[in-house]
Amino acid sequence: LPGDDPSVGDLRAAVAAASGVRPERQKLLAGGRNLGDNDQASLSSLNVTDGKAIMLLLKPGTAEAAVEEEKALETQHHAHVDRLVQAAIDISHREVHDYDGRRGEDFALELTNQHGDLVMLEPAQQQALVQGLVLHQRGRAEAVRGCRKDEDSARAHARALAFYRRARAAFDSVDDSGIVSAVDNVPYCCLDEVWCLFMLGDTRDLELWDRLLARAAQGLARAHGAGLERLFALKGRNCPERALYPRLHLLQGVLRVLRGDSEGASALLLRAREECRRLTVRRGDVASLRAVVAAQDGGAVPEALAVRAL
């Protein structure tokens, strides 16, 4: 906040910039006390000091005001996405180095095929892949935010969806299908995009659902093996990638439901439920394993390690 002794108005302006809620719609509380509508009052006079939590409540407004506020939030959302997309583009340009067809010390992004052979990338291809990787990771961060109790789930998943679509566009701009097929994030991104559509209740384009899920399934089979044998050989049977499959089969089942194929949907949803059951670790089993190990060697086993072992 500006100055040595900022006012309620200064705080209200900062809250508006951060949240998109206009000052006249804000009701600000600090320590359970209403800061009131006197914007000239200093925060110090109200005993609001550094580190004090501020609660924002919305004052009732007209329907027109609500529409305007929604538009402002939408504009803020698009501006936020555009800034981060530009940051991803800037990162991709910094990462790219000229090379003469041979791997050198400045080669920023290494890509290997399933035989372990290095895949050589042109600068434009490398830029596109870095952009896709950065944007996909940003989308995942937004989706995680959407699972928190104090977050607006719909807005967070809408932001995640925007990043996933930009990431997929970046991946698809690589003019070599062999290179794209070597990037595991591509099927992950397709699966994440459909998951966001599911969380948002967006079923308007089932053909898009179908294309993305088919691409995800093909990419996962290529990366992990039809029976996950390649995945297990590289990372063991208790790897986190196994959690992708209940999500894939759940979404495939939902798609069948939406298309009226109840029999096909039932088989996929039962499969997803069984896969979730296999991934579920009961707390009693964790406690038992830790007790057995402690009894044998006297050492304490971290709970996270016991969960992974089970």
C-alpha atoms as a PDB file:
ATOM      1  CA  LEU A   1       0.000   0.000   0.000  1.00  0.00           C
ATOM      2  CA  PRO A   2       1.226   3.541  -0.740  1.00  0.00           C
ATOM      3  CA  GLY A   3       2.596   5.901   1.897  1.00  0.00           C
ATOM      4  CA  ASP A   4       3.539   5.458   5.528  1.00  0.00           C
ATOM      5  CA  ASP A   5      -0.042   5.556   6.783  1.00  0.00           C
ATOM      6  CA  PRO A   6      -2.395   4.232   4.066  1.00  0.00           C
ATOM      7  CA  SER A   7      -6.117   4.802   4.252  1.00  0.00           C
ATOM      8  CA  VAL A   8      -9.152   2.582   3.930  1.00  0.00           C
ATOM      9  CA  GLY A   9      -9.499   3.926   0.401  1.00  0.00           C
ATOM     10  CA  ASP A  10      -5.964   2.794  -0.440  1.00  0.00           C
ATOM     11  CA  LEU A  11      -6.786  -0.681   0.878  1.00  0.00           C
ATOM     12  CA  ARG A  12     -10.058  -0.744  -1.050  1.00  0.00           C
ATOM     13  CA  ALA A  13      -8.239   0.156  -4.289  1.00  0.00           C
ATOM     14  CA  ALA A  14      -5.676  -2.606  -3.712  1.00  0.00           C
ATOM     15  CA  VAL A  15      -8.444  -5.135  -3.043  1.00  0.00           C
ATOM     16  CA  ALA A  16     -10.230  -4.053  -6.235  1.00  0.00           C
ATOM     17  CA  ALA A  17      -7.038  -4.527  -8.269  1.00  0.00           C
ATOM     18  CA  ALA A  18      -6.449  -7.984  -6.811  1.00  0.00           C
ATOM     19  CA  SER A  19     -10.024  -9.306  -6.852  1.00  0.00           C
ATOM     20  CA  GLY A  20     -11.867  -7.365  -9.547  1.00  0.00           C
ATOM     21  CA  VAL A  21     -14.559  -6.365  -7.009  1.00  0.00           C
ATOM     22  CA  ARG A  22     -15.297  -2.673  -7.360  1.00  0.00           C
ATOM     23  CA  PRO A  23     -14.735  -0.483  -4.259  1.00  0.00           C
ATOM     24  CA  GLU A  24     -18.417   0.373  -3.854  1.00  0.00           C
ATOM     25  CA  ARG A  25     -19.296  -3.350  -3.628  1.00  0.00           C
ATOM     26  CA  GLN A  26     -16.711  -4.087  -0.938  1.00  0.00           C
ATOM     27  CA  LYS A  27     -17.346  -4.633   2.740  1.00  0.00           C
ATOM     28  CA  LEU A  28     -13.977  -5.002   4.463  1.00  0.00           C
ATOM     29  CA  LEU A  29     -13.494  -6.623   7.855  1.00  0.00           C
ATOM     30  CA  ALA A  30     -10.344  -6.780   9.955  1.00  0.00           C
ATOM     31  CA  GLY A  31     -10.329  -8.789  13.175  1.00  0.00           C
ATOM     32  CA  GLY A  32     -14.112  -9.068  12.914  1.00  0.00           C
ATOM     33  CA  ARG A  33     -14.501  -5.296  12.756  1.00  0.00           C
ATOM     34  CA  ASN A  34     -16.153  -3.515   9.850  1.00  0.00           C
ATOM     35  CA  LEU A  35     -13.753  -0.896   8.464  1.00  0.00           C
ATOM     36  CA  GLY A  36     -16.728   1.193   7.389  1.00  0.00           C
ATOM     37  CA  ASP A  37     -17.221   3.461   4.395  1.00  0.00           C
ATOM     38  CA  ASN A  38     -14.956   6.370   5.375  1.00  0.00           C
ATOM     39  CA  ASP A  39     -12.208   5.956   2.797  1.00  0.00           C
ATOM     40  CA  GLN A  40     -10.210   8.826   4.335  1.00  0.00           C
ATOM     41  CA  ALA A  41      -9.756   7.033   7.652  1.00  0.00           C
ATOM     42  CA  SER A  42      -6.232   5.736   8.178  1.00  0.00           C
ATOM     43  CA  LEU A  43      -5.731   2.042   8.722  1.00  0.00           C
ATOM     44  CA  SER A  44      -3.631   2.720  11.799  1.00  0.00           C
ATOM     45  CA  SER A  45      -6.571   4.535  13.433  1.00  0.00           C
ATOM     46  CA  LEU A  46      -8.579   1.345  12.981  1.00  0.00           C
ATOM     47  CA  ASN A  47      -5.786  -0.811  14.422  1.00  0.00           C
ATOM     48  CA  VAL A  48      -5.073  -2.462  11.069  1.00  0.00           C
ATOM     49  CA  THR A  49      -1.379  -3.313  10.976  1.00  0.00           C
ATOM     50  CA  ASP A  50       0.943  -5.316   8.722  1.00  0.00           C
ATOM     51  CA  GLY A  51       0.064  -8.999   8.622  1.00  0.00           C
ATOM     52  CA  LYS A  52      -3.528  -8.543   9.763  1.00  0.00           C
ATOM     53  CA  ALA A  53      -6.020 -10.658   7.824  1.00  0.00           C
ATOM     54  CA  ILE A  54      -8.600  -8.759   5.765  1.00  0.00           C
ATOM     55  CA  MET A  55     -11.949 -10.348   4.938  1.00  0.00           C
ATOM     56  CA  LEU A  56     -13.830  -9.207   1.843  1.00  0.00           C
ATOM     57  CA  LEU A  57     -17.607  -9.462   1.697  1.00  0.00           C
ATOM     58  CA  LEU A  58     -19.799  -8.350  -1.193  1.00  0.00           C
ATOM     59  CA  LYS A  59     -22.436  -5.731  -0.597  1.00  0.00           C
ATOM     60  CA  PRO A  60     -25.782  -6.332  -2.300  1.00  0.00           C
ATOM     61  CA  GLY A  61     -25.885  -4.719  -5.715  1.00  0.00           C
ATOM     62  CA  THR A  62     -28.196  -4.313  -8.675  1.00  0.00           C
ATOM     63  CA  ALA A  63     -28.405  -6.849 -11.471  1.00  0.00           C
ATOM     64  CA  GLU A  64     -26.646  -4.375 -13.760  1.00  0.00           C
ATOM     65  CA  ALA A  65     -23.811  -4.002 -11.262  1.00  0.00           C
ATOM     66  CA  ALA A  66     -23.467  -7.772 -11.016  1.00  0.00           C
ATOM     67  CA  VAL A  67     -23.215  -8.042 -14.801  1.00  0.00           C
ATOM     68  CA  GLU A  68     -20.577  -5.321 -14.930  1.00  0.00           C
ATOM     69  CA  GLU A  69     -18.634  -7.006 -12.148  1.00  0.00           C
ATOM     70  CA  GLU A  70     -18.736 -10.325 -14.001  1.00  0.00           C
ATOM     71  CA  LYS A  71     -17.435  -8.617 -17.141  1.00  0.00           C
ATOM     72  CA  ALA A  72     -14.619  -7.017 -15.149  1.00  0.00           C
ATOM     73  CA  LEU A  73     -13.642 -10.387 -13.672  1.00  0.00           C
ATOM     74  CA  GLU A  74     -13.724 -11.973 -17.122  1.00  0.00           C
ATOM     75  CA  THR A  75     -11.492  -9.224 -18.515  1.00  0.00           C
ATOM     76  CA  GLN A  76      -9.116  -9.677 -15.600  1.00  0.00           C
ATOM     77  CA  HIS A  77      -9.075 -13.450 -16.235  1.00  0.00           C
ATOM     78  CA  HIS A  78      -8.182 -13.036 -19.922  1.00  0.00           C
ATOM     79  CA  ALA A  79      -5.494 -10.478 -19.111  1.00  0.00           C
ATOM     80  CA  HIS A  80      -3.996 -12.861 -16.537  1.00  0.00           C
ATOM     81  CA  VAL A  81      -3.917 -15.716 -19.048  1.00  0.00           C
ATOM     82  CA  ASP A  82      -2.428 -13.490 -21.760  1.00  0.00           C
ATOM     83  CA  ARG A  83       0.358 -12.301 -19.432  1.00  0.00           C
ATOM     84  CA  LEU A  84       1.334 -15.852 -18.520  1.00  0.00           C
ATOM     85  CA  VAL A  85       1.150 -17.015 -22.130  1.00  0.00           C
ATOM     86  CA  GLN A  86       3.520 -14.198 -23.090  1.00  0.00           C
ATOM     87  CA  ALA A  87       5.809 -15.228 -20.227  1.00  0.00           C
ATOM     88  CA  ALA A  88       5.838 -18.797 -21.595  1.00  0.00           C
ATOM     89  CA  ILE A  89       6.736 -17.458 -25.039  1.00  0.00           C
ATOM     90  CA  ASP A  90       9.554 -15.378 -23.545  1.00  0.00           C
ATOM     91  CA  ILE A  91      10.870 -18.427 -21.673  1.00  0.00           C
ATOM     92  CA  SER A  92      10.804 -20.529 -24.832  1.00  0.00           C
ATOM     93  CA  HIS A  93      12.859 -17.937 -26.713  1.00  0.00           C
ATOM     94  CA  ARG A  94      15.425 -17.743 -23.933  1.00  0.00           C
ATOM     95  CA  GLU A  95      15.756 -21.516 -23.851  1.00  0.00           C
ATOM     96  CA  VAL A  96      16.415 -21.906 -27.572  1.00  0.00           C
ATOM     97  CA  HIS A  97      20.041 -21.907 -28.741  1.00  0.00           C
ATOM     98  CA  ASP A  98      21.439 -22.235 -32.225  1.00  0.00           C
ATOM     99  CA  TYR A  99      23.118 -25.508 -33.006  1.00  0.00           C
ATOM    100  CA  ASP A 100      24.378 -27.143 -36.186  1.00  0.00           C
ATOM    101  CA  GLY A 101      22.584 -30.469 -35.908  1.00  0.00           C
ATOM    102  CA  ARG A 102      24.777 -31.772 -33.128  1.00  0.00           C
ATOM    103  CA  ARG A 103      24.103 -31.762 -29.440  1.00  0.00           C
ATOM    104  CA  GLY A 104      26.121 -29.111 -27.658  1.00  0.00           C
ATOM    105  CA  GLU A 105      26.524 -27.686 -24.195  1.00  0.00           C
ATOM    106  CA  ASP A 106      23.772 -25.092 -24.762  1.00  0.00           C
ATOM    107  CA  PHE A 107      21.145 -27.607 -25.865  1.00  0.00           C
ATOM    108  CA  ALA A 108      18.310 -26.601 -23.517  1.00  0.00           C
ATOM    109  CA  LEU A 109      15.622 -29.217 -24.131  1.00  0.00           C
ATOM    110  CA  GLU A 110      16.489 -32.873 -24.531  1.00  0.00           C
ATOM    111  CA  LEU A 111      13.958 -35.186 -26.127  1.00  0.00           C
ATOM    112  CA  THR A 112      14.569 -38.906 -26.561  1.00  0.00           C
ATOM    113  CA  ASN A 113      12.518 -41.607 -28.237  1.00  0.00           C
ATOM    114  CA  GLN A 114      11.550 -44.909 -26.631  1.00  0.00           C
ATOM    115  CA  HIS A 115      14.906 -46.398 -27.638  1.00  0.00           C
ATOM    116  CA  GLY A 116      16.781 -43.676 -25.773  1.00  0.00           C
ATOM    117  CA  ASP A 117      18.005 -41.972 -28.948  1.00  0.00           C
ATOM    118  CA  LEU A 118      18.199 -38.179 -28.939  1.00  0.00           C
ATOM    119  CA  VAL A 119      15.599 -36.439 -31.110  1.00  0.00           C
ATOM    120  CA  MET A 120      17.097 -33.356 -32.733  1.00  0.00           C
ATOM    121  CA  LEU A 121      14.895 -30.272 -32.712  1.00  0.00           C
ATOM    122  CA  GLU A 122      14.801 -27.204 -34.891  1.00  0.00           C
ATOM    123  CA  PRO A 123      14.665 -23.910 -32.940  1.00  0.00           C
ATOM    124  CA  ALA A 124      10.998 -23.315 -33.823  1.00  0.00           C
ATOM    125  CA  GLN A 125      10.092 -26.838 -32.697  1.00  0.00           C
ATOM    126  CA  GLN A 126      11.946 -26.386 -29.435  1.00  0.00           C
ATOM    127  CA  GLN A 127      10.198 -23.065 -28.818  1.00  0.00           C
ATOM    128  CA  ALA A 128       6.785 -24.629 -29.373  1.00  0.00           C
ATOM    129  CA  LEU A 129       7.515 -27.561 -27.056  1.00  0.00           C
ATOM    130  CA  VAL A 130       8.816 -25.328 -24.265  1.00  0.00           C
ATOM    131  CA  GLN A 131       5.729 -23.120 -24.587  1.00  0.00           C
ATOM    132  CA  GLY A 132       3.470 -26.176 -24.418  1.00  0.00           C
ATOM    133  CA  LEU A 133       5.272 -27.604 -21.379  1.00  0.00           C
ATOM    134  CA  VAL A 134       5.204 -24.302 -19.465  1.00  0.00           C
ATOM    135  CA  LEU A 135       1.532 -23.624 -20.240  1.00  0.00           C
ATOM    136  CA  HIS A 136       0.497 -27.181 -19.379  1.00  0.00           C
ATOM    137  CA  GLN A 137       2.227 -26.913 -16.012  1.00  0.00           C
ATOM    138  CA  ARG A 138       0.537 -23.571 -15.375  1.00  0.00           C
ATOM    139  CA  GLY A 139      -2.838 -25.124 -16.184  1.00  0.00           C
ATOM    140  CA  ARG A 140      -2.221 -27.890 -13.674  1.00  0.00           C
ATOM    141  CA  ALA A 141      -1.372 -25.328 -11.002  1.00  0.00           C
ATOM    142  CA  GLU A 142      -4.695 -23.555 -11.643  1.00  0.00           C
ATOM    143  CA  ALA A 143      -6.597 -26.860 -11.523  1.00  0.00           C
ATOM    144  CA  VAL A 144      -5.040 -27.650  -8.140  1.00  0.00           C
ATOM    145  CA  ARG A 145      -6.169 -24.250  -6.907  1.00  0.00           C
ATOM    146  CA  GLY A 146      -9.688 -25.140  -7.997  1.00  0.00           C
ATOM    147  CA  CYS A 147      -9.704 -28.039  -5.519  1.00  0.00           C
ATOM    148  CA  ARG A 148      -9.117 -25.784  -2.513  1.00  0.00           C
ATOM    149  CA  LYS A 149     -12.056 -24.911  -0.305  1.00  0.00           C
ATOM    150  CA  ASP A 150     -11.286 -21.191  -0.338  1.00  0.00           C
ATOM    151  CA  GLU A 151     -11.132 -20.942  -4.145  1.00  0.00           C
ATOM    152  CA  ASP A 152     -13.818 -20.447  -6.766  1.00  0.00           C
ATOM    153  CA  SER A 153     -13.622 -23.875  -8.416  1.00  0.00           C
ATOM    154  CA  ALA A 154     -15.354 -22.847 -11.633  1.00  0.00           C
ATOM    155  CA  ARG A 155     -13.080 -19.853 -12.203  1.00  0.00           C
ATOM    156  CA  ALA A 156      -9.936 -21.820 -11.410  1.00  0.00           C
ATOM    157  CA  HIS A 157     -10.900 -24.626 -13.799  1.00  0.00           C
ATOM    158  CA  ALA A 158     -11.822 -22.079 -16.469  1.00  0.00           C
ATOM    159  CA  ARG A 159      -8.331 -20.592 -16.147  1.00  0.00           C
ATOM    160  CA  ALA A 160      -6.801 -24.074 -16.261  1.00  0.00           C
ATOM    161  CA  LEU A 161      -8.816 -24.877 -19.393  1.00  0.00           C
ATOM    162  CA  ALA A 162      -7.516 -21.755 -21.124  1.00  0.00           C
ATOM    163  CA  PHE A 163      -3.914 -22.775 -20.368  1.00  0.00           C
ATOM    164  CA  TYR A 164      -4.473 -26.365 -21.502  1.00  0.00           C
ATOM    165  CA  ARG A 165      -5.899 -25.193 -24.820  1.00  0.00           C
ATOM    166  CA  ARG A 166      -2.983 -22.821 -25.401  1.00  0.00           C
ATOM    167  CA  ALA A 167      -0.585 -25.646 -24.483  1.00  0.00           C
ATOM    168  CA  ARG A 168      -2.249 -28.046 -26.913  1.00  0.00           C
ATOM    169  CA  ALA A 169      -2.089 -25.415 -29.661  1.00  0.00           C
ATOM    170  CA  ALA A 170       1.642 -25.000 -28.993  1.00  0.00           C
ATOM    171  CA  PHE A 171       2.232 -28.760 -29.156  1.00  0.00           C
ATOM    172  CA  ASP A 172       0.163 -29.045 -32.344  1.00  0.00           C
ATOM    173  CA  SER A 173       2.202 -26.297 -34.006  1.00  0.00           C
ATOM    174  CA  VAL A 174       5.217 -28.642 -34.123  1.00  0.00           C
ATOM    175  CA  ASP A 175       5.299 -29.791 -37.752  1.00  0.00           C
ATOM    176  CA  ASP A 176       6.538 -33.303 -37.010  1.00  0.00           C
ATOM    177  CA  SER A 177       4.173 -35.949 -35.631  1.00  0.00           C
ATOM    178  CA  GLY A 178       7.105 -38.121 -34.597  1.00  0.00           C
ATOM    179  CA  ILE A 179       8.406 -35.397 -32.298  1.00  0.00           C
ATOM    180  CA  VAL A 180       4.995 -34.698 -30.792  1.00  0.00           C
ATOM    181  CA  SER A 181       4.401 -38.394 -30.120  1.00  0.00           C
ATOM    182  CA  ALA A 182       7.597 -38.509 -28.039  1.00  0.00           C
ATOM    183  CA  VAL A 183       6.284 -35.895 -25.576  1.00  0.00           C
ATOM    184  CA  ASP A 184       4.281 -37.521 -22.765  1.00  0.00           C
ATOM    185  CA  ASN A 185       2.742 -34.182 -21.791  1.00  0.00           C
ATOM    186  CA  VAL A 186       0.640 -34.166 -24.971  1.00  0.00           C
ATOM    187  CA  PRO A 187      -1.727 -37.013 -23.926  1.00  0.00           C
ATOM    188  CA  TYR A 188      -1.652 -35.694 -20.348  1.00  0.00           C
ATOM    189  CA  CYS A 189      -2.734 -32.276 -21.626  1.00  0.00           C
ATOM    190  CA  CYS A 190      -5.589 -33.772 -23.663  1.00  0.00           C
ATOM    191  CA  LEU A 191      -6.814 -35.690 -20.620  1.00  0.00           C
ATOM    192  CA  ASP A 192      -6.531 -32.630 -18.381  1.00  0.00           C
ATOM    193  CA  GLU A 193      -8.509 -30.546 -20.877  1.00  0.00           C
ATOM    194  CA  VAL A 194     -11.434 -32.967 -20.891  1.00  0.00           C
ATOM    195  CA  TRP A 195     -11.298 -33.170 -17.099  1.00  0.00           C
ATOM    196  CA  CYS A 196     -11.736 -29.389 -16.917  1.00  0.00           C
ATOM    197  CA  LEU A 197     -14.688 -29.567 -19.309  1.00  0.00           C
ATOM    198  CA  PHE A 198     -16.196 -32.248 -17.060  1.00  0.00           C
ATOM    199  CA  MET A 199     -15.635 -30.177 -13.909  1.00  0.00           C
ATOM    200  CA  LEU A 200     -17.234 -27.171 -15.620  1.00  0.00           C
ATOM    201  CA  GLY A 201     -20.188 -29.254 -16.824  1.00  0.00           C
ATOM    202  CA  ASP A 202     -19.411 -28.303 -20.428  1.00  0.00           C
ATOM    203  CA  THR A 203     -20.840 -31.049 -22.655  1.00  0.00           C
ATOM    204  CA  ARG A 204     -21.594 -28.900 -25.700  1.00  0.00           C
ATOM    205  CA  ASP A 205     -18.935 -30.479 -27.936  1.00  0.00           C
ATOM    206  CA  LEU A 206     -18.880 -34.238 -27.408  1.00  0.00           C
ATOM    207  CA  GLU A 207     -16.885 -34.689 -30.614  1.00  0.00           C
ATOM    208  CA  LEU A 208     -14.078 -32.702 -28.986  1.00  0.00           C
ATOM    209  CA  TRP A 209     -14.334 -34.918 -25.887  1.00  0.00           C
ATOM    210  CA  ASP A 210     -14.075 -37.977 -28.134  1.00  0.00           C
ATOM    211  CA  ARG A 211     -11.048 -36.710 -30.088  1.00  0.00           C
ATOM    212  CA  LEU A 212      -9.132 -35.629 -27.009  1.00  0.00           C
ATOM    213  CA  LEU A 213      -9.839 -38.816 -25.051  1.00  0.00           C
ATOM    214  CA  ALA A 214      -8.856 -40.974 -28.029  1.00  0.00           C
ATOM    215  CA  ARG A 215      -5.631 -39.000 -28.378  1.00  0.00           C
ATOM    216  CA  ALA A 216      -4.970 -39.329 -24.647  1.00  0.00           C
ATOM    217  CA  ALA A 217      -5.568 -43.095 -24.680  1.00  0.00           C
ATOM    218  CA  GLN A 218      -3.321 -43.614 -27.713  1.00  0.00           C
ATOM    219  CA  GLY A 219      -0.562 -41.441 -26.270  1.00  0.00           C
ATOM    220  CA  LEU A 220      -0.653 -43.176 -22.879  1.00  0.00           C
ATOM    221  CA  ALA A 221      -0.532 -46.614 -24.514  1.00  0.00           C
ATOM    222  CA  ARG A 222       2.437 -45.526 -26.612  1.00  0.00           C
ATOM    223  CA  ALA A 223       4.271 -44.028 -23.610  1.00  0.00           C
ATOM    224  CA  HIS A 224       3.429 -46.627 -20.957  1.00  0.00           C
ATOM    225  CA  GLY A 225       2.773 -49.779 -22.972  1.00  0.00           C
ATOM    226  CA  ALA A 226      -0.581 -51.441 -23.589  1.00  0.00           C
ATOM    227  CA  GLY A 227      -0.371 -53.246 -20.241  1.00  0.00           C
ATOM    228  CA  LEU A 228       1.667 -50.518 -18.502  1.00  0.00           C
ATOM    229  CA  GLU A 229       4.741 -52.766 -18.773  1.00  0.00           C
ATOM    230  CA  ARG A 230       6.975 -49.930 -19.975  1.00  0.00           C
ATOM    231  CA  LEU A 231       5.782 -47.640 -17.175  1.00  0.00           C
ATOM    232  CA  PHE A 232       6.337 -50.286 -14.487  1.00  0.00           C
ATOM    233  CA  ALA A 233       9.795 -51.119 -15.852  1.00  0.00           C
ATOM    234  CA  LEU A 234      10.850 -47.465 -15.618  1.00  0.00           C
ATOM    235  CA  LYS A 235       9.122 -46.341 -12.431  1.00  0.00           C
ATOM    236  CA  GLY A 236       7.852 -49.412 -10.601  1.00  0.00           C
ATOM    237  CA  ARG A 237       4.274 -50.448  -9.929  1.00  0.00           C
ATOM    238  CA  ASN A 238       3.561 -47.735  -7.355  1.00  0.00           C
ATOM    239  CA  CYS A 239       4.169 -44.776  -9.649  1.00  0.00           C
ATOM    240  CA  PRO A 240       1.788 -41.782  -9.584  1.00  0.00           C
ATOM    241  CA  GLU A 241       1.057 -42.140 -13.324  1.00  0.00           C
ATOM    242  CA  ARG A 242      -1.296 -45.014 -12.485  1.00  0.00           C
ATOM    243  CA  ALA A 243      -3.782 -42.404 -11.259  1.00  0.00           C
ATOM    244  CA  LEU A 244      -4.224 -41.225 -14.853  1.00  0.00           C
ATOM    245  CA  TYR A 245      -6.138 -44.348 -15.808  1.00  0.00           C
ATOM    246  CA  PRO A 246      -9.151 -44.106 -13.463  1.00  0.00           C
ATOM    247  CA  ARG A 247      -9.592 -40.542 -14.710  1.00  0.00           C
ATOM    248  CA  LEU A 248      -9.338 -41.633 -18.352  1.00  0.00           C
ATOM    249  CA  HIS A 249     -11.845 -44.460 -17.949  1.00  0.00           C
ATOM    250  CA  LEU A 250     -14.200 -42.299 -15.863  1.00  0.00           C
ATOM    251  CA  LEU A 251     -14.284 -39.643 -18.585  1.00  0.00           C
ATOM    252  CA  GLN A 252     -14.719 -42.276 -21.294  1.00  0.00           C
ATOM    253  CA  GLY A 253     -17.629 -43.668 -19.272  1.00  0.00           C
ATOM    254  CA  VAL A 254     -19.203 -40.237 -18.874  1.00  0.00           C
ATOM    255  CA  LEU A 255     -18.908 -39.718 -22.630  1.00  0.00           C
ATOM    256  CA  ARG A 256     -20.715 -43.028 -23.227  1.00  0.00           C
ATOM    257  CA  VAL A 257     -23.457 -41.959 -20.812  1.00  0.00           C
ATOM    258  CA  LEU A 258     -23.896 -38.664 -22.648  1.00  0.00           C
ATOM    259  CA  ARG A 259     -24.173 -40.555 -25.927  1.00  0.00           C
ATOM    260  CA  GLY A 260     -26.751 -42.997 -24.562  1.00  0.00           C
ATOM    261  CA  ASP A 261     -24.514 -46.066 -24.482  1.00  0.00           C
ATOM    262  CA  SER A 262     -25.392 -47.340 -21.006  1.00  0.00           C
ATOM    263  CA  GLU A 263     -23.780 -50.756 -21.438  1.00  0.00           C
ATOM    264  CA  GLY A 264     -20.442 -49.353 -22.568  1.00  0.00           C
ATOM    265  CA  ALA A 265     -20.611 -46.683 -19.882  1.00  0.00           C
ATOM    266  CA  SER A 266     -21.222 -49.228 -17.140  1.00  0.00           C
ATOM    267  CA  ALA A 267     -18.161 -51.285 -18.097  1.00  0.00           C
ATOM    268  CA  LEU A 268     -15.890 -48.233 -18.132  1.00  0.00           C
ATOM    269  CA  LEU A 269     -17.216 -46.776 -14.891  1.00  0.00           C
ATOM    270  CA  LEU A 270     -16.832 -50.119 -13.105  1.00  0.00           C
ATOM    271  CA  ARG A 271     -13.295 -50.330 -14.422  1.00  0.00           C
ATOM    272  CA  ALA A 272     -12.530 -46.823 -13.138  1.00  0.00           C
ATOM    273  CA  ARG A 273     -13.969 -47.707  -9.722  1.00  0.00           C
ATOM    274  CA  GLU A 274     -11.841 -50.856  -9.493  1.00  0.00           C
ATOM    275  CA  GLU A 275      -8.724 -48.913 -10.478  1.00  0.00           C
ATOM    276  CA  CYS A 276      -9.479 -46.337  -7.767  1.00  0.00           C
ATOM    277  CA  ARG A 277      -9.952 -49.130  -5.233  1.00  0.00           C
ATOM    278  CA  ARG A 278      -6.527 -50.533  -6.077  1.00  0.00           C
ATOM    279  CA  LEU A 279      -4.963 -47.132  -5.571  1.00  0.00           C
ATOM    280  CA  THR A 280      -6.648 -46.561  -2.207  1.00  0.00           C
ATOM    281  CA  VAL A 281      -4.486 -47.129   0.854  1.00  0.00           C
ATOM    282  CA  ARG A 282      -6.287 -47.616   4.166  1.00  0.00           C
ATOM    283  CA  ARG A 283      -4.870 -45.748   7.140  1.00  0.00           C
ATOM    284  CA  GLY A 284      -4.975 -48.939   9.214  1.00  0.00           C
ATOM    285  CA  ASP A 285      -2.658 -50.651   6.724  1.00  0.00           C
ATOM    286  CA  VAL A 286      -0.225 -47.715   6.897  1.00  0.00           C
ATOM    287  CA  ALA A 287      -0.157 -47.840  10.685  1.00  0.00           C
ATOM    288  CA  SER A 288       0.365 -51.623  10.656  1.00  0.00           C
ATOM    289  CA  LEU A 289       3.288 -51.407   8.241  1.00  0.00           C
ATOM    290  CA  ARG A 290       4.981 -48.662  10.260  1.00  0.00           C
ATOM    291  CA  ALA A 291       4.527 -50.671  13.459  1.00  0.00           C
ATOM    292  CA  VAL A 292       6.029 -53.831  11.914  1.00  0.00           C
ATOM    293  CA  VAL A 293       9.092 -51.985  10.605  1.00  0.00           C
ATOM    294  CA  ALA A 294       9.562 -50.172  13.910  1.00  0.00           C
ATOM    295  CA  ALA A 295       9.380 -53.475  15.816  1.00  0.00           C
ATOM    296  CA  GLN A 296      11.993 -55.070  13.554  1.00  0.00           C
ATOM    297  CA  ASP A 297      14.671 -52.389  13.461  1.00  0.00           C
ATOM    298  CA  GLY A 298      13.512 -49.760  15.920  1.00  0.00           C
ATOM    299  CA  GLY A 299      13.353 -47.062  13.262  1.00  0.00           C
ATOM    300  CA  ALA A 300      10.451 -44.801  12.421  1.00  0.00           C
ATOM    301  CA  VAL A 301       9.021 -44.977   8.903  1.00  0.00           C
ATOM    302  CA  PRO A 302       7.651 -41.717   7.435  1.00  0.00           C
ATOM    303  CA  GLU A 303       3.948 -42.029   6.639  1.00  0.00           C
ATOM    304  CA  ALA A 304       4.451 -40.947   2.996  1.00  0.00           C
ATOM    305  CA  LEU A 305       7.015 -43.721   2.499  1.00  0.00           C
ATOM    306  CA  ALA A 306       4.669 -46.301   4.020  1.00  0.00           C
ATOM    307  CA  VAL A 307       1.853 -45.190   1.708  1.00  0.00           C
ATOM    308  CA  ARG A 308       4.132 -45.514  -1.310  1.00  0.00           C
ATOM    309  CA  ALA A 309       5.280 -48.966  -0.198  1.00  0.00           C
ATOM    310  CA  LEU A 310       1.696 -50.160   0.066  1.00  0.00           C
END
